[in-house]
Amino acid sequence: MTVVFEDGVTETQRVAVGANARTTFRMRDWFPSTSGRRYGVVVEAANPAMQLVVERANYNSAEGDFWGAGANALATRLR
């Protein structure tokens, strides 16, 4: 994963996810410098033949209901 900040600065972390697996990455854990900043994320497979599905999910507590609100969106493929 590569984080791209508005000013063009990038940070990269190599992560491993097994085949047919799903995982969640808390951005502030992997990239603490993202806190309070705007950024995009580029996700690439080690092997270009691998297929990935990437989504952004955001959850919030609403009116005392833990994770009572949220949204998600599929990533846009870059070519």
N, C-alpha and C. Protein backbone atom coordinates (compact mmCIF):
# COMPACT_ATOMS: atom_id res chain seq x y z
N MET A 1 0.85 -1.17 0.00
CA MET A 1 0.00 0.00 0.00
C MET A 1 0.89 1.22 0.00
N THR A 2 0.50 2.19 -0.80
CA THR A 2 1.20 3.47 -0.82
C THR A 2 0.20 4.58 -0.54
N VAL A 3 0.50 5.39 0.45
CA VAL A 3 -0.32 6.56 0.77
C VAL A 3 0.26 7.73 0.00
N VAL A 4 -0.63 8.49 -0.65
CA VAL A 4 -0.21 9.66 -1.40
C VAL A 4 -0.92 10.87 -0.78
N PHE A 5 -0.13 11.77 -0.21
CA PHE A 5 -0.68 12.98 0.42
C PHE A 5 -0.90 14.07 -0.60
N GLU A 6 -1.68 15.07 -0.26
CA GLU A 6 -2.00 16.17 -1.18
C GLU A 6 -0.76 16.87 -1.73
N ASP A 7 0.29 16.92 -0.94
CA ASP A 7 1.50 17.62 -1.39
C ASP A 7 2.41 16.73 -2.23
N GLY A 8 1.96 15.49 -2.52
CA GLY A 8 2.74 14.59 -3.36
C GLY A 8 3.68 13.67 -2.60
N VAL A 9 3.82 13.87 -1.30
CA VAL A 9 4.66 13.00 -0.48
C VAL A 9 4.00 11.63 -0.38
N THR A 10 4.80 10.57 -0.46
CA THR A 10 4.26 9.22 -0.38
C THR A 10 4.92 8.44 0.76
N GLU A 11 4.19 7.46 1.25
CA GLU A 11 4.71 6.50 2.23
C GLU A 11 4.22 5.12 1.80
N THR A 12 5.09 4.13 1.89
CA THR A 12 4.74 2.78 1.45
C THR A 12 4.97 1.77 2.55
N GLN A 13 4.05 0.83 2.67
CA GLN A 13 4.18 -0.30 3.59
C GLN A 13 3.87 -1.56 2.79
N ARG A 14 4.69 -2.56 2.94
CA ARG A 14 4.42 -3.86 2.30
C ARG A 14 3.61 -4.70 3.29
N VAL A 15 2.49 -5.22 2.82
CA VAL A 15 1.61 -6.03 3.68
C VAL A 15 1.30 -7.33 2.96
N ALA A 16 0.99 -8.35 3.72
CA ALA A 16 0.67 -9.66 3.14
C ALA A 16 -0.76 -10.04 3.50
N VAL A 17 -1.51 -10.44 2.48
CA VAL A 17 -2.86 -10.95 2.66
C VAL A 17 -2.94 -12.24 1.87
N GLY A 18 -3.37 -13.30 2.50
CA GLY A 18 -3.44 -14.59 1.84
C GLY A 18 -4.50 -14.66 0.76
N ALA A 19 -4.37 -15.65 -0.10
CA ALA A 19 -5.34 -15.87 -1.18
C ALA A 19 -6.72 -16.13 -0.59
N ASN A 20 -7.73 -15.63 -1.23
CA ASN A 20 -9.13 -15.81 -0.81
C ASN A 20 -9.36 -15.33 0.62
N ALA A 21 -8.63 -14.31 1.03
CA ALA A 21 -8.74 -13.79 2.39
C ALA A 21 -9.28 -12.37 2.38
N ARG A 22 -9.75 -11.97 3.52
CA ARG A 22 -10.24 -10.61 3.70
C ARG A 22 -9.56 -10.07 4.95
N THR A 23 -9.19 -8.82 4.91
CA THR A 23 -8.58 -8.21 6.09
C THR A 23 -8.93 -6.73 6.16
N THR A 24 -8.76 -6.16 7.31
CA THR A 24 -9.01 -4.74 7.53
C THR A 24 -7.71 -4.07 7.94
N PHE A 25 -7.43 -2.94 7.34
CA PHE A 25 -6.25 -2.16 7.71
C PHE A 25 -6.71 -0.84 8.30
N ARG A 26 -6.38 -0.62 9.56
CA ARG A 26 -6.64 0.68 10.18
C ARG A 26 -5.50 1.59 9.76
N MET A 27 -5.81 2.58 8.96
CA MET A 27 -4.77 3.43 8.38
C MET A 27 -3.91 4.10 9.45
N ARG A 28 -4.51 4.52 10.54
CA ARG A 28 -3.70 5.20 11.57
C ARG A 28 -2.71 4.25 12.23
N ASP A 29 -2.97 2.94 12.18
CA ASP A 29 -2.02 1.98 12.72
C ASP A 29 -0.86 1.75 11.75
N TRP A 30 -1.16 1.63 10.47
CA TRP A 30 -0.12 1.38 9.47
C TRP A 30 0.60 2.65 9.05
N PHE A 31 -0.12 3.76 9.02
CA PHE A 31 0.44 5.04 8.58
C PHE A 31 0.02 6.12 9.57
N PRO A 32 0.69 6.23 10.72
CA PRO A 32 0.30 7.21 11.73
C PRO A 32 0.26 8.65 11.21
N SER A 33 1.06 8.95 10.20
CA SER A 33 1.11 10.32 9.68
C SER A 33 -0.15 10.71 8.92
N THR A 34 -1.08 9.78 8.70
CA THR A 34 -2.33 10.12 8.00
C THR A 34 -3.32 10.85 8.91
N SER A 35 -3.09 10.80 10.20
CA SER A 35 -4.02 11.40 11.15
C SER A 35 -4.21 12.89 10.87
N GLY A 36 -5.45 13.28 10.62
CA GLY A 36 -5.77 14.69 10.40
C GLY A 36 -5.36 15.22 9.03
N ARG A 37 -4.96 14.34 8.11
CA ARG A 37 -4.52 14.77 6.79
C ARG A 37 -5.36 14.12 5.70
N ARG A 38 -5.41 14.76 4.54
CA ARG A 38 -6.10 14.19 3.37
C ARG A 38 -5.10 13.38 2.56
N TYR A 39 -5.55 12.23 2.06
CA TYR A 39 -4.65 11.35 1.33
C TYR A 39 -5.45 10.37 0.47
N GLY A 40 -4.76 9.75 -0.46
CA GLY A 40 -5.30 8.65 -1.25
C GLY A 40 -4.43 7.44 -0.99
N VAL A 41 -4.90 6.28 -1.38
CA VAL A 41 -4.14 5.05 -1.17
C VAL A 41 -4.10 4.26 -2.48
N VAL A 42 -2.91 3.81 -2.84
CA VAL A 42 -2.72 2.95 -4.00
C VAL A 42 -2.42 1.56 -3.46
N VAL A 43 -3.21 0.57 -3.87
CA VAL A 43 -3.03 -0.82 -3.44
C VAL A 43 -2.63 -1.63 -4.66
N GLU A 44 -1.51 -2.33 -4.58
CA GLU A 44 -1.01 -3.11 -5.70
C GLU A 44 -0.70 -4.53 -5.24
N ALA A 45 -0.95 -5.49 -6.11
CA ALA A 45 -0.60 -6.88 -5.83
C ALA A 45 0.86 -7.10 -6.21
N ALA A 46 1.51 -8.00 -5.50
CA ALA A 46 2.91 -8.32 -5.81
C ALA A 46 3.02 -8.93 -7.21
N ASN A 47 2.00 -9.67 -7.60
CA ASN A 47 1.95 -10.27 -8.92
C ASN A 47 0.79 -9.63 -9.68
N PRO A 48 1.05 -8.94 -10.79
CA PRO A 48 -0.02 -8.25 -11.52
C PRO A 48 -1.17 -9.16 -11.96
N ALA A 49 -0.94 -10.48 -12.03
CA ALA A 49 -2.01 -11.41 -12.42
C ALA A 49 -3.00 -11.65 -11.29
N MET A 50 -2.63 -11.29 -10.07
CA MET A 50 -3.53 -11.48 -8.92
C MET A 50 -4.69 -10.50 -9.01
N GLN A 51 -5.86 -10.95 -8.61
CA GLN A 51 -7.03 -10.09 -8.61
C GLN A 51 -7.30 -9.61 -7.19
N LEU A 52 -7.56 -8.32 -7.07
CA LEU A 52 -7.84 -7.72 -5.77
C LEU A 52 -9.20 -7.05 -5.79
N VAL A 53 -9.84 -7.02 -4.64
CA VAL A 53 -11.02 -6.20 -4.43
C VAL A 53 -10.68 -5.31 -3.24
N VAL A 54 -10.80 -4.02 -3.44
CA VAL A 54 -10.45 -3.05 -2.39
C VAL A 54 -11.66 -2.17 -2.14
N GLU A 55 -11.97 -1.97 -0.87
CA GLU A 55 -13.08 -1.09 -0.52
C GLU A 55 -12.67 -0.22 0.63
N ARG A 56 -13.28 0.94 0.72
CA ARG A 56 -13.09 1.83 1.87
C ARG A 56 -14.35 1.73 2.70
N ALA A 57 -14.18 1.47 3.97
CA ALA A 57 -15.32 1.41 4.87
C ALA A 57 -15.09 2.39 6.02
N ASN A 58 -16.15 3.04 6.43
CA ASN A 58 -16.07 4.01 7.51
C ASN A 58 -17.25 3.76 8.44
N TYR A 59 -16.95 3.54 9.71
CA TYR A 59 -18.00 3.26 10.69
C TYR A 59 -17.97 4.31 11.78
N ASN A 60 -19.13 4.66 12.28
CA ASN A 60 -19.25 5.64 13.36
C ASN A 60 -20.26 5.14 14.39
N SER A 61 -20.08 5.61 15.60
CA SER A 61 -21.10 5.36 16.62
C SER A 61 -22.12 6.49 16.51
N ALA A 62 -23.37 6.16 16.51
CA ALA A 62 -24.43 7.16 16.34
C ALA A 62 -25.44 7.03 17.46
N GLU A 63 -25.68 8.11 18.16
CA GLU A 63 -26.69 8.15 19.22
C GLU A 63 -26.52 6.99 20.20
N GLY A 64 -25.27 6.70 20.56
CA GLY A 64 -24.98 5.65 21.53
C GLY A 64 -24.97 4.25 20.97
N ASP A 65 -25.23 4.10 19.71
CA ASP A 65 -25.24 2.79 19.06
C ASP A 65 -23.87 2.55 18.43
N PHE A 66 -23.09 1.62 19.02
CA PHE A 66 -21.75 1.32 18.52
C PHE A 66 -21.82 0.88 17.07
N TRP A 67 -21.07 1.53 16.21
CA TRP A 67 -21.06 1.29 14.76
C TRP A 67 -22.48 1.38 14.19
N GLY A 68 -23.25 2.32 14.70
CA GLY A 68 -24.62 2.49 14.27
C GLY A 68 -24.78 3.21 12.94
N ALA A 69 -23.68 3.73 12.40
CA ALA A 69 -23.74 4.43 11.12
C ALA A 69 -22.45 4.15 10.36
N GLY A 70 -22.50 4.31 9.07
CA GLY A 70 -21.29 4.10 8.29
C GLY A 70 -21.57 4.13 6.80
N ALA A 71 -20.49 3.94 6.05
CA ALA A 71 -20.59 3.94 4.60
C ALA A 71 -19.44 3.14 4.04
N ASN A 72 -19.57 2.72 2.78
CA ASN A 72 -18.47 2.04 2.13
C ASN A 72 -18.47 2.37 0.64
N ALA A 73 -17.34 2.18 -0.01
CA ALA A 73 -17.23 2.44 -1.44
C ALA A 73 -16.15 1.54 -2.02
N LEU A 74 -16.40 0.99 -3.20
CA LEU A 74 -15.36 0.21 -3.89
C LEU A 74 -14.31 1.16 -4.44
N ALA A 75 -13.08 0.69 -4.48
CA ALA A 75 -11.99 1.48 -5.01
C ALA A 75 -12.13 1.61 -6.53
N THR A 76 -11.45 2.60 -7.08
CA THR A 76 -11.40 2.80 -8.53
C THR A 76 -10.10 2.22 -9.07
N ARG A 77 -10.21 1.40 -10.08
CA ARG A 77 -9.01 0.79 -10.67
C ARG A 77 -8.24 1.81 -11.50
N LEU A 78 -6.94 1.90 -11.26
CA LEU A 78 -6.08 2.75 -12.06
C LEU A 78 -5.36 1.91 -13.09
N ARG A 79 -5.18 2.40 -14.26
CA ARG A 79 -4.48 1.65 -15.31
C ARG A 79 -3.23 2.37 -15.70
